Each structure stands twice: as C-alpha cells, then as structure tokens.
Amino acid sequence: MQDTEEKLDMKTAKEREELRDLLLRLCAVPGNSGDELSASKAAAAELAALGETEIDSVGNVYMHFGKKDAKEHILLDAHIDQIGLIVTGIDGDGFLTVDSCGGMDKRLLPGSAVTVYGKEKLTGIVCCMPPHLMKGEEKLVPVNELHVDVGLSQEEAKKLVSPGDRALMWMKPKMLLNGRVSTGALDDRAGCAALIRCAQILKDEELSCRVTVLLSCDEEVNGRGARTGGFRMQPTRAIVVDVGFAAQPGVPETVSQPLGAGPTVGFAPILDGEMSRRFVSLAEENQIPFKADVCGGRTYTNSEAVAVVGTGVRTALISIPLCYMHSAIETVDLEDVENTARLIAAYIKEVGARG
C-alpha cells in the first residue's frame, strides 16, 4: 500500500513539473494582441502530438481530436494573446512614444523595464519623473503620453525600431512556494496550458464527440479570434477558459477565489445555466475544489464572442484564479491549472460517452 502511495505521489509530482514547464514555455514567447504568431507557433508545437493542429490566417491555433463526424462538437477556447505596448513614433531625442495594446496598467509602467521587438530585441526603460521635481500629487500619466528610453539617438533608433513594433513588460519567471508560478502572460497562457493538459488527459479516451481546442488571438483588444474561430468551427457547445481574480489584499471575497482553492464556474446571463450547473455537479462528484462565480452582466471574456456565433452556442466559463492581473508578476497555482483541466476533461468524457 505504501509503495502504491509513493508511486502515485511521484506520478503527481512529475505531472506538476511537466505542467510547470509547459506553462513557462508558453509564457516565454511574445504574443501581444495582433502580433501573436510566435506564441501561436509555440503553442501549436505543444499541441501537435495530441491531434491535428493548424494556425489560421489571423493567428488562431486549432487542434482537433475525438470523433470527426460526431453530431456533438465541443469548442474549448483560451486566448493566446497578452497585453503590451505598440510603438507610435520616435521623438527628436530618440525616445519611443507608445500606446496601449490591451489593458496596460498605467500605474505600473513608469520606471519599468520593457522589451522592444524591433528589427532587434531591445531593452528599454519607461521614463519616469524624479520625485524631487514633482509638484504635489501628480496625476498618473496616460500611456500614450509615456516615453521609452532604449539608449539610442533618433537616427540610431529609426534603424532598429518602427511605428507598429511591439513592446512587452520585462519579466523573469519565478517559482514561489507551494507550487505557485509568477510571471507575465499568465493571462491567458494559464488557460492555454489547462486546455493542453486537458487534451493530454483525454488522449487515450474513446470519445463519440468531436473536440476542438481553440487558442484564440486578440481577446485583449476586440475578441476577433474567438469570433472568427467560433464561426469557422460552428460548435454545438463551448467552454471558455480565462483567468479570474484571486484573493489578495484589497480584493473582495465576493469576486475572488484563493489560490489553490480550485477554478471558478461562471454563472452569467450570456452563459448556459445547465452547463454551469453540470460543472458544479461534476466538481463535487470528482472532489475537485471550485467556487461559483456569479455575474449579473458581462464576463469580459471570450464567452461573449463565442456564445453569439451563428444561431447561438451554449457556452460555459471556467476561470483560473490569478493574482496581480495585467502585470509582469501575475501569479497562479499549478493545482488550479490542473484542476481546471481535470474538470473540463470530466465534462467532455460525460458528453463523449453520450454521443
């Protein structure tokens, strides 16, 4: 008995290590909204061993498995893009002017390091005012009024950087205690990792339904990837995976879930109540920790885009708790990513068994 338990513990530890490595590989590749191709290729390489994989003209990644001609077709969506900056120009002193490309937090930018993806990869610093020269309580500077210093003159900068190039906040992945990972782009590469892990769990299952994994582009700006991908796939039902608010100082309990306490199951007007309730039942039956996340209006996820495709798609939303959203130190718990994958796999197995 003890040997069996030890083997199970070793298996679990190995799976978490593999999940951590997958998550870090996905987050390490740049993929700002509208410029996701590098990230899409990296994700497609991870999915290729699990099923038929392709990238479409807008940068969406698709992976198909299960029964090809099945009446029931489940779409699994997580977005591949991340927030960042877009270069708008170069001033006379060589400083780059920028604007948001996604929901950048203007509180965090001044004094931060960024990576500029021009003809070469450059390190830049977002300019900030010395506190000695500030007069009273200064207002936060809008992102489109910030400048980035890459250490070059205007002439030198123009050789390497052009308007439209992207910049991302510099990040260095860190492993925290208790299986927690901190880095940028976890919104929503954590969701992407959960869907890849879900496909791994289901790899050897005989399913009588068709399943498509969609890692979609442009969620942070307009949801284009989910709209076009959902329209192309015409699923019978969809499950969207994104990140949600984790418990941290100042965040109300009503809108958050502690790290390590499992994913949240969404309830909202745009979401299918029957699917949400079945996810709750499956979590309870499989002893997967979770919390119901109730919203009376918009979810601000791809569920709004997928649910209205064609004549309408029954849609559920599962969210992974995440601390410090839209920063370079976003933090998740690997157990929450794993439990998200397990919960969705349980739902697909049930639907797949019905045919």
Protein backbone atom coordinates (compact mmCIF):
# COMPACT_ATOMS: atom_id res chain seq x y z
CA MET A 1 0.00 0.00 0.00
CA GLN A 2 2.80 2.37 0.92
CA ASP A 3 4.62 1.60 -2.33
CA THR A 4 1.45 2.37 -4.29
CA GLU A 5 1.01 5.70 -2.49
CA GLU A 6 4.64 6.62 -3.09
CA LYS A 7 4.28 5.83 -6.81
CA LEU A 8 1.15 7.97 -7.03
CA ASP A 9 2.94 10.84 -5.26
CA MET A 10 5.87 10.53 -7.68
CA LYS A 11 3.48 10.48 -10.65
CA THR A 12 1.69 13.58 -9.39
CA ALA A 13 4.97 15.40 -8.73
CA LYS A 14 6.18 14.57 -12.25
CA GLU A 15 2.90 15.77 -13.79
CA ARG A 16 3.11 19.07 -11.90
CA GLU A 17 6.71 19.53 -13.01
CA GLU A 18 5.70 18.91 -16.63
CA LEU A 19 2.75 21.30 -16.27
CA ARG A 20 5.02 23.97 -14.80
CA ASP A 21 7.50 23.58 -17.64
CA LEU A 22 4.70 23.75 -20.22
CA LEU A 23 3.33 26.91 -18.62
CA LEU A 24 6.74 28.59 -18.56
CA ARG A 25 7.44 27.66 -22.19
CA LEU A 26 4.14 29.19 -23.28
CA CYS A 27 4.72 32.39 -21.28
CA ALA A 28 8.28 32.83 -22.54
CA VAL A 29 7.19 33.54 -26.13
CA PRO A 30 6.00 37.07 -27.04
CA GLY A 31 2.46 37.40 -28.37
CA ASN A 32 0.92 40.84 -28.00
CA SER A 33 -2.60 41.24 -29.41
CA GLY A 34 -2.48 41.31 -33.21
CA ASP A 35 1.11 40.04 -33.20
CA GLU A 36 0.65 36.54 -31.76
CA LEU A 37 2.30 34.42 -34.44
CA SER A 38 5.38 33.46 -32.40
CA ALA A 39 3.19 32.44 -29.47
CA SER A 40 0.80 30.63 -31.79
CA LYS A 41 3.62 28.59 -33.33
CA ALA A 42 4.95 27.68 -29.90
CA ALA A 43 1.51 26.54 -28.73
CA ALA A 44 0.90 24.61 -31.95
CA ALA A 45 4.16 22.73 -31.39
CA GLU A 46 2.93 21.70 -27.92
CA LEU A 47 -0.40 20.51 -29.34
CA ALA A 48 0.93 18.70 -32.40
CA ALA A 49 1.49 15.41 -30.56
CA LEU A 50 -2.13 15.36 -29.37
CA GLY A 51 -4.08 15.82 -32.59
CA GLU A 52 -4.44 17.52 -35.96
CA THR A 53 -3.12 21.07 -35.47
CA GLU A 54 -3.25 24.22 -37.62
CA ILE A 55 -2.86 28.01 -37.47
CA ASP A 56 -5.29 30.17 -39.44
CA SER A 57 -4.81 33.50 -41.20
CA VAL A 58 -5.43 35.62 -38.10
CA GLY A 59 -3.19 33.62 -35.76
CA ASN A 60 -5.70 31.29 -34.09
CA VAL A 61 -4.41 27.83 -33.20
CA TYR A 62 -6.72 24.83 -33.65
CA MET A 63 -6.26 21.26 -32.51
CA HIS A 64 -8.89 18.62 -33.24
CA PHE A 65 -9.46 15.26 -31.57
CA GLY A 66 -12.27 12.83 -30.87
CA LYS A 67 -14.80 11.59 -33.45
CA LYS A 68 -14.55 13.72 -36.58
CA ASP A 69 -18.11 13.28 -37.89
CA ALA A 70 -19.84 13.42 -34.49
CA LYS A 71 -23.04 15.41 -34.11
CA GLU A 72 -21.78 16.87 -30.81
CA HIS A 73 -18.88 19.29 -31.27
CA ILE A 74 -17.30 20.93 -28.21
CA LEU A 75 -15.12 24.01 -28.64
CA LEU A 76 -12.53 24.72 -25.93
CA ASP A 77 -11.27 28.30 -26.02
CA ALA A 78 -8.45 30.15 -24.24
CA HIS A 79 -6.76 33.24 -25.59
CA ILE A 80 -3.12 33.20 -26.63
CA ASP A 81 -2.52 36.97 -26.74
CA GLN A 82 -1.09 39.13 -23.95
CA ILE A 83 -1.23 42.82 -23.13
CA GLY A 84 1.57 45.12 -24.28
CA LEU A 85 2.54 48.40 -25.89
CA ILE A 86 2.68 49.47 -29.52
CA VAL A 87 5.29 51.96 -30.75
CA THR A 88 3.69 55.08 -32.22
CA GLY A 89 6.81 57.07 -33.10
CA ILE A 90 10.34 58.21 -32.21
CA ASP A 91 10.94 61.74 -30.93
CA GLY A 92 13.87 64.01 -31.71
CA ASP A 93 15.93 62.68 -28.80
CA GLY A 94 15.43 59.01 -29.67
CA PHE A 95 12.76 58.27 -27.09
CA LEU A 96 9.97 55.98 -28.31
CA THR A 97 6.38 57.11 -27.99
CA VAL A 98 3.91 54.31 -27.27
CA ASP A 99 0.28 53.45 -26.65
CA SER A 100 -1.57 50.55 -25.04
CA CYS A 101 -2.24 47.38 -26.99
CA GLY A 102 -4.52 45.69 -24.49
CA GLY A 103 -5.36 46.81 -20.97
CA MET A 104 -2.00 48.06 -19.75
CA ASP A 105 -1.98 49.30 -16.15
CA LYS A 106 -0.61 52.84 -16.31
CA ARG A 107 0.20 52.72 -12.59
CA LEU A 108 2.90 50.08 -13.19
CA LEU A 109 4.62 51.43 -16.28
CA PRO A 110 6.75 54.45 -15.21
CA GLY A 111 10.20 53.21 -14.22
CA SER A 112 9.55 49.69 -15.56
CA ALA A 113 11.78 47.78 -17.94
CA VAL A 114 10.30 46.65 -21.25
CA THR A 115 11.46 44.54 -24.16
CA VAL A 116 11.01 46.22 -27.55
CA TYR A 117 10.58 43.87 -30.51
CA GLY A 118 12.01 45.81 -33.45
CA LYS A 119 14.48 44.60 -36.05
CA GLU A 120 16.44 43.53 -32.99
CA LYS A 121 15.20 42.78 -29.49
CA LEU A 122 15.98 45.83 -27.35
CA THR A 123 15.69 46.53 -23.65
CA GLY A 124 14.01 49.82 -22.82
CA ILE A 125 13.01 51.76 -19.72
CA VAL A 126 9.69 53.58 -19.42
CA CYS A 127 10.68 57.13 -18.48
CA CYS A 128 9.61 58.46 -15.09
CA MET A 129 9.91 61.84 -13.38
CA PRO A 130 12.41 62.16 -10.48
CA PRO A 131 10.40 62.62 -7.27
CA HIS A 132 12.45 65.75 -6.44
CA LEU A 133 10.89 67.55 -9.43
CA MET A 134 7.31 66.55 -8.82
CA LYS A 135 4.92 69.19 -7.56
CA GLY A 136 2.44 67.89 -5.03
CA GLU A 137 0.27 64.95 -6.01
CA GLU A 138 0.92 64.33 -9.68
CA LYS A 139 -1.76 62.56 -11.71
CA LEU A 140 -0.97 59.30 -13.43
CA VAL A 141 0.34 59.90 -16.94
CA PRO A 142 -1.79 58.36 -19.72
CA VAL A 143 0.00 55.54 -21.52
CA ASN A 144 0.03 57.45 -24.81
CA GLU A 145 2.00 60.24 -23.12
CA LEU A 146 4.76 57.94 -21.84
CA HIS A 147 8.17 57.51 -23.48
CA VAL A 148 10.55 54.57 -23.65
CA ASP A 149 14.31 55.04 -23.47
CA VAL A 150 16.25 52.42 -25.47
CA GLY A 151 19.56 54.28 -25.16
CA LEU A 152 19.72 55.38 -28.79
CA SER A 153 19.65 58.63 -30.72
CA GLN A 154 16.77 59.29 -33.07
CA GLU A 155 18.86 58.28 -36.08
CA GLU A 156 20.04 55.06 -34.41
CA ALA A 157 16.57 54.20 -33.08
CA LYS A 158 14.97 54.58 -36.52
CA LYS A 159 17.30 51.91 -37.90
CA LEU A 160 16.02 49.35 -35.40
CA VAL A 161 12.51 50.40 -34.39
CA SER A 162 9.46 51.36 -36.47
CA PRO A 163 5.95 52.51 -35.65
CA GLY A 164 3.81 49.42 -35.09
CA ASP A 165 6.56 47.44 -33.37
CA ARG A 166 5.54 45.96 -30.02
CA ALA A 167 6.93 46.19 -26.53
CA LEU A 168 6.19 43.93 -23.56
CA MET A 169 6.91 44.44 -19.88
CA TRP A 170 10.17 42.74 -18.96
CA MET A 171 9.57 39.64 -16.89
CA LYS A 172 11.59 36.99 -15.15
CA PRO A 173 9.66 33.83 -14.20
CA LYS A 174 9.81 32.87 -10.53
CA MET A 175 8.67 29.77 -8.68
CA LEU A 176 7.09 30.64 -5.36
CA LEU A 177 6.41 28.22 -2.52
CA ASN A 178 3.50 25.75 -2.64
CA GLY A 179 3.57 25.25 -6.40
CA ARG A 180 2.90 28.83 -7.41
CA VAL A 181 4.27 30.38 -10.59
CA SER A 182 4.84 34.11 -11.10
CA THR A 183 5.49 35.67 -14.50
CA GLY A 184 3.85 37.78 -17.16
CA ALA A 185 1.42 36.46 -19.82
CA LEU A 186 -0.32 34.04 -17.45
CA ASP A 187 -3.42 35.88 -18.65
CA ASP A 188 -4.23 33.70 -20.50
CA ARG A 189 -1.40 31.27 -21.16
CA ALA A 190 -2.53 29.57 -17.93
CA GLY A 191 -5.81 28.87 -19.71
CA CYS A 192 -3.92 27.62 -22.77
CA ALA A 193 -1.86 25.29 -20.56
CA ALA A 194 -5.04 23.98 -18.92
CA LEU A 195 -6.54 23.09 -22.30
CA ILE A 196 -3.34 21.40 -23.48
CA ARG A 197 -3.28 19.45 -20.21
CA CYS A 198 -6.96 18.55 -20.71
CA ALA A 199 -6.14 17.16 -24.16
CA GLN A 200 -3.31 15.13 -22.60
CA ILE A 201 -5.72 13.64 -20.06
CA LEU A 202 -8.16 12.68 -22.83
CA LYS A 203 -5.53 11.45 -25.29
CA ASP A 204 -6.36 7.74 -24.94
CA GLU A 205 -10.11 8.12 -24.37
CA GLU A 206 -12.61 6.76 -26.89
CA LEU A 207 -14.89 9.75 -27.42
CA SER A 208 -18.07 9.80 -29.51
CA CYS A 209 -17.96 13.62 -29.69
CA ARG A 210 -15.70 15.95 -31.63
CA VAL A 211 -13.47 18.35 -29.67
CA THR A 212 -11.62 21.41 -30.96
CA VAL A 213 -9.08 23.29 -28.88
CA LEU A 214 -9.01 26.96 -29.98
CA LEU A 215 -6.17 29.16 -28.70
CA SER A 216 -7.51 32.45 -29.94
CA CYS A 217 -5.93 35.79 -30.78
CA ASP A 218 -6.90 39.36 -29.94
CA GLU A 219 -9.00 38.76 -26.82
CA GLU A 220 -7.36 41.69 -25.03
CA VAL A 221 -8.47 44.18 -27.69
CA ASN A 222 -11.56 43.01 -29.57
CA GLY A 223 -12.15 39.24 -29.32
CA ARG A 224 -11.54 38.76 -33.04
CA GLY A 225 -10.03 35.30 -32.66
CA ALA A 226 -12.91 33.83 -30.71
CA ARG A 227 -15.46 35.34 -33.11
CA THR A 228 -13.78 34.09 -36.27
CA GLY A 229 -12.72 30.78 -34.75
CA GLY A 230 -16.16 30.09 -33.34
CA PHE A 231 -17.79 31.00 -36.66
CA ARG A 232 -15.44 28.69 -38.52
CA MET A 233 -15.93 25.71 -36.16
CA GLN A 234 -19.72 26.07 -35.62
CA PRO A 235 -19.66 24.06 -32.35
CA THR A 236 -22.73 22.70 -30.58
CA ARG A 237 -21.36 23.90 -27.24
CA ALA A 238 -18.29 25.77 -25.98
CA ILE A 239 -16.17 26.02 -22.85
CA VAL A 240 -14.14 29.20 -22.43
CA VAL A 241 -11.19 29.22 -20.03
CA ASP A 242 -9.76 32.50 -18.78
CA VAL A 243 -8.26 33.85 -15.58
CA GLY A 244 -10.22 35.41 -12.75
CA PHE A 245 -9.39 37.42 -9.66
CA ALA A 246 -7.51 35.56 -6.93
CA ALA A 247 -7.74 36.57 -3.30
CA GLN A 248 -5.18 39.22 -2.36
CA PRO A 249 -5.17 42.28 -0.09
CA GLY A 250 -7.91 44.69 -1.10
CA VAL A 251 -9.82 42.32 -3.39
CA PRO A 252 -13.32 41.50 -2.06
CA GLU A 253 -14.14 37.86 -1.31
CA THR A 254 -17.29 38.15 -3.39
CA VAL A 255 -15.31 38.48 -6.62
CA SER A 256 -12.24 36.36 -5.81
CA GLN A 257 -11.08 32.83 -5.10
CA PRO A 258 -7.98 31.92 -3.03
CA LEU A 259 -5.04 30.48 -4.95
CA GLY A 260 -5.05 26.71 -4.67
CA ALA A 261 -8.79 26.54 -3.92
CA GLY A 262 -9.71 25.45 -7.43
CA PRO A 263 -11.20 27.15 -10.50
CA THR A 264 -14.43 29.12 -10.57
CA VAL A 265 -17.52 28.10 -12.53
CA GLY A 266 -19.21 31.06 -14.17
CA PHE A 267 -22.89 31.96 -13.90
CA ALA A 268 -23.98 34.93 -16.04
CA PRO A 269 -26.74 35.92 -18.49
CA ILE A 270 -24.58 35.03 -21.52
CA LEU A 271 -23.67 31.60 -20.09
CA ASP A 272 -25.69 28.39 -20.30
CA GLY A 273 -27.12 27.68 -16.85
CA GLU A 274 -27.49 23.95 -17.42
CA MET A 275 -23.84 23.60 -18.40
CA SER A 276 -22.70 25.67 -15.41
CA ARG A 277 -24.77 23.55 -13.01
CA ARG A 278 -23.39 20.35 -14.51
CA PHE A 279 -19.84 21.62 -14.00
CA VAL A 280 -20.69 22.22 -10.34
CA SER A 281 -22.03 18.67 -10.01
CA LEU A 282 -19.00 17.17 -11.74
CA ALA A 283 -16.64 19.11 -9.48
CA GLU A 284 -18.45 17.76 -6.43
CA GLU A 285 -18.56 14.19 -7.79
CA ASN A 286 -14.84 14.22 -8.65
CA GLN A 287 -13.78 16.03 -5.44
CA ILE A 288 -12.39 18.95 -7.43
CA PRO A 289 -12.40 22.19 -5.40
CA PHE A 290 -14.27 25.08 -7.02
CA LYS A 291 -16.32 28.19 -6.41
CA ALA A 292 -19.37 29.56 -8.23
CA ASP A 293 -18.59 32.94 -9.80
CA VAL A 294 -21.84 34.85 -10.33
CA CYS A 295 -22.00 37.92 -12.57
CA GLY A 296 -25.16 39.87 -13.38
CA GLY A 297 -23.73 41.45 -16.52
CA ARG A 298 -20.74 40.97 -18.82
CA THR A 299 -18.00 38.45 -18.09
CA TYR A 300 -15.37 40.39 -20.10
CA THR A 301 -14.11 37.13 -21.60
CA ASN A 302 -14.38 35.36 -24.94
CA SER A 303 -17.65 33.79 -23.78
CA GLU A 304 -19.44 36.90 -25.07
CA ALA A 305 -17.96 36.34 -28.52
CA VAL A 306 -18.45 32.57 -28.79
CA ALA A 307 -21.97 32.41 -27.37
CA VAL A 308 -23.45 34.53 -30.20
CA VAL A 309 -21.78 32.75 -33.12
CA GLY A 310 -24.23 31.70 -35.83
CA THR A 311 -27.60 30.92 -34.26
CA GLY A 312 -26.02 30.80 -30.79
CA VAL A 313 -23.76 28.40 -28.91
CA ARG A 314 -24.35 27.01 -25.41
CA THR A 315 -21.33 28.31 -23.54
CA ALA A 316 -19.71 27.78 -20.13
CA LEU A 317 -16.90 29.74 -18.48
CA ILE A 318 -14.24 28.27 -16.20
CA SER A 319 -11.74 30.70 -14.65
CA ILE A 320 -8.33 30.11 -13.08
CA PRO A 321 -7.60 32.35 -10.05
CA LEU A 322 -4.76 34.78 -10.77
CA CYS A 323 -3.10 37.43 -8.59
CA TYR A 324 -1.73 40.78 -9.84
CA MET A 325 -3.58 40.73 -13.17
CA HIS A 326 -2.10 42.61 -16.14
CA SER A 327 1.36 42.88 -14.62
CA ALA A 328 4.74 41.22 -15.15
CA ILE A 329 4.32 39.28 -11.88
CA GLU A 330 0.98 37.56 -12.47
CA THR A 331 0.72 34.54 -10.17
CA VAL A 332 -1.19 31.25 -10.37
CA ASP A 333 -1.20 27.97 -8.50
CA LEU A 334 -0.39 24.88 -10.59
CA GLU A 335 -3.08 22.91 -8.75
CA ASP A 336 -5.71 25.32 -10.05
CA VAL A 337 -4.48 24.84 -13.63
CA GLU A 338 -4.52 21.06 -13.16
CA ASN A 339 -7.97 21.04 -11.57
CA THR A 340 -9.33 23.19 -14.41
CA ALA A 341 -8.03 20.60 -16.89
CA ARG A 342 -9.49 17.71 -14.86
CA LEU A 343 -12.91 19.34 -14.55
CA ILE A 344 -13.20 20.05 -18.27
CA ALA A 345 -11.94 16.53 -19.10
CA ALA A 346 -14.67 15.07 -16.86
CA TYR A 347 -17.32 17.07 -18.71
CA ILE A 348 -16.03 16.03 -22.14
CA LYS A 349 -15.89 12.37 -21.12
CA GLU A 350 -19.52 12.56 -20.00
CA VAL A 351 -20.66 14.23 -23.23
CA GLY A 352 -18.46 11.89 -25.27
CA ALA A 353 -19.99 8.86 -23.62
CA ARG A 354 -23.50 10.02 -24.62
CA GLY A 355 -22.52 10.61 -28.25
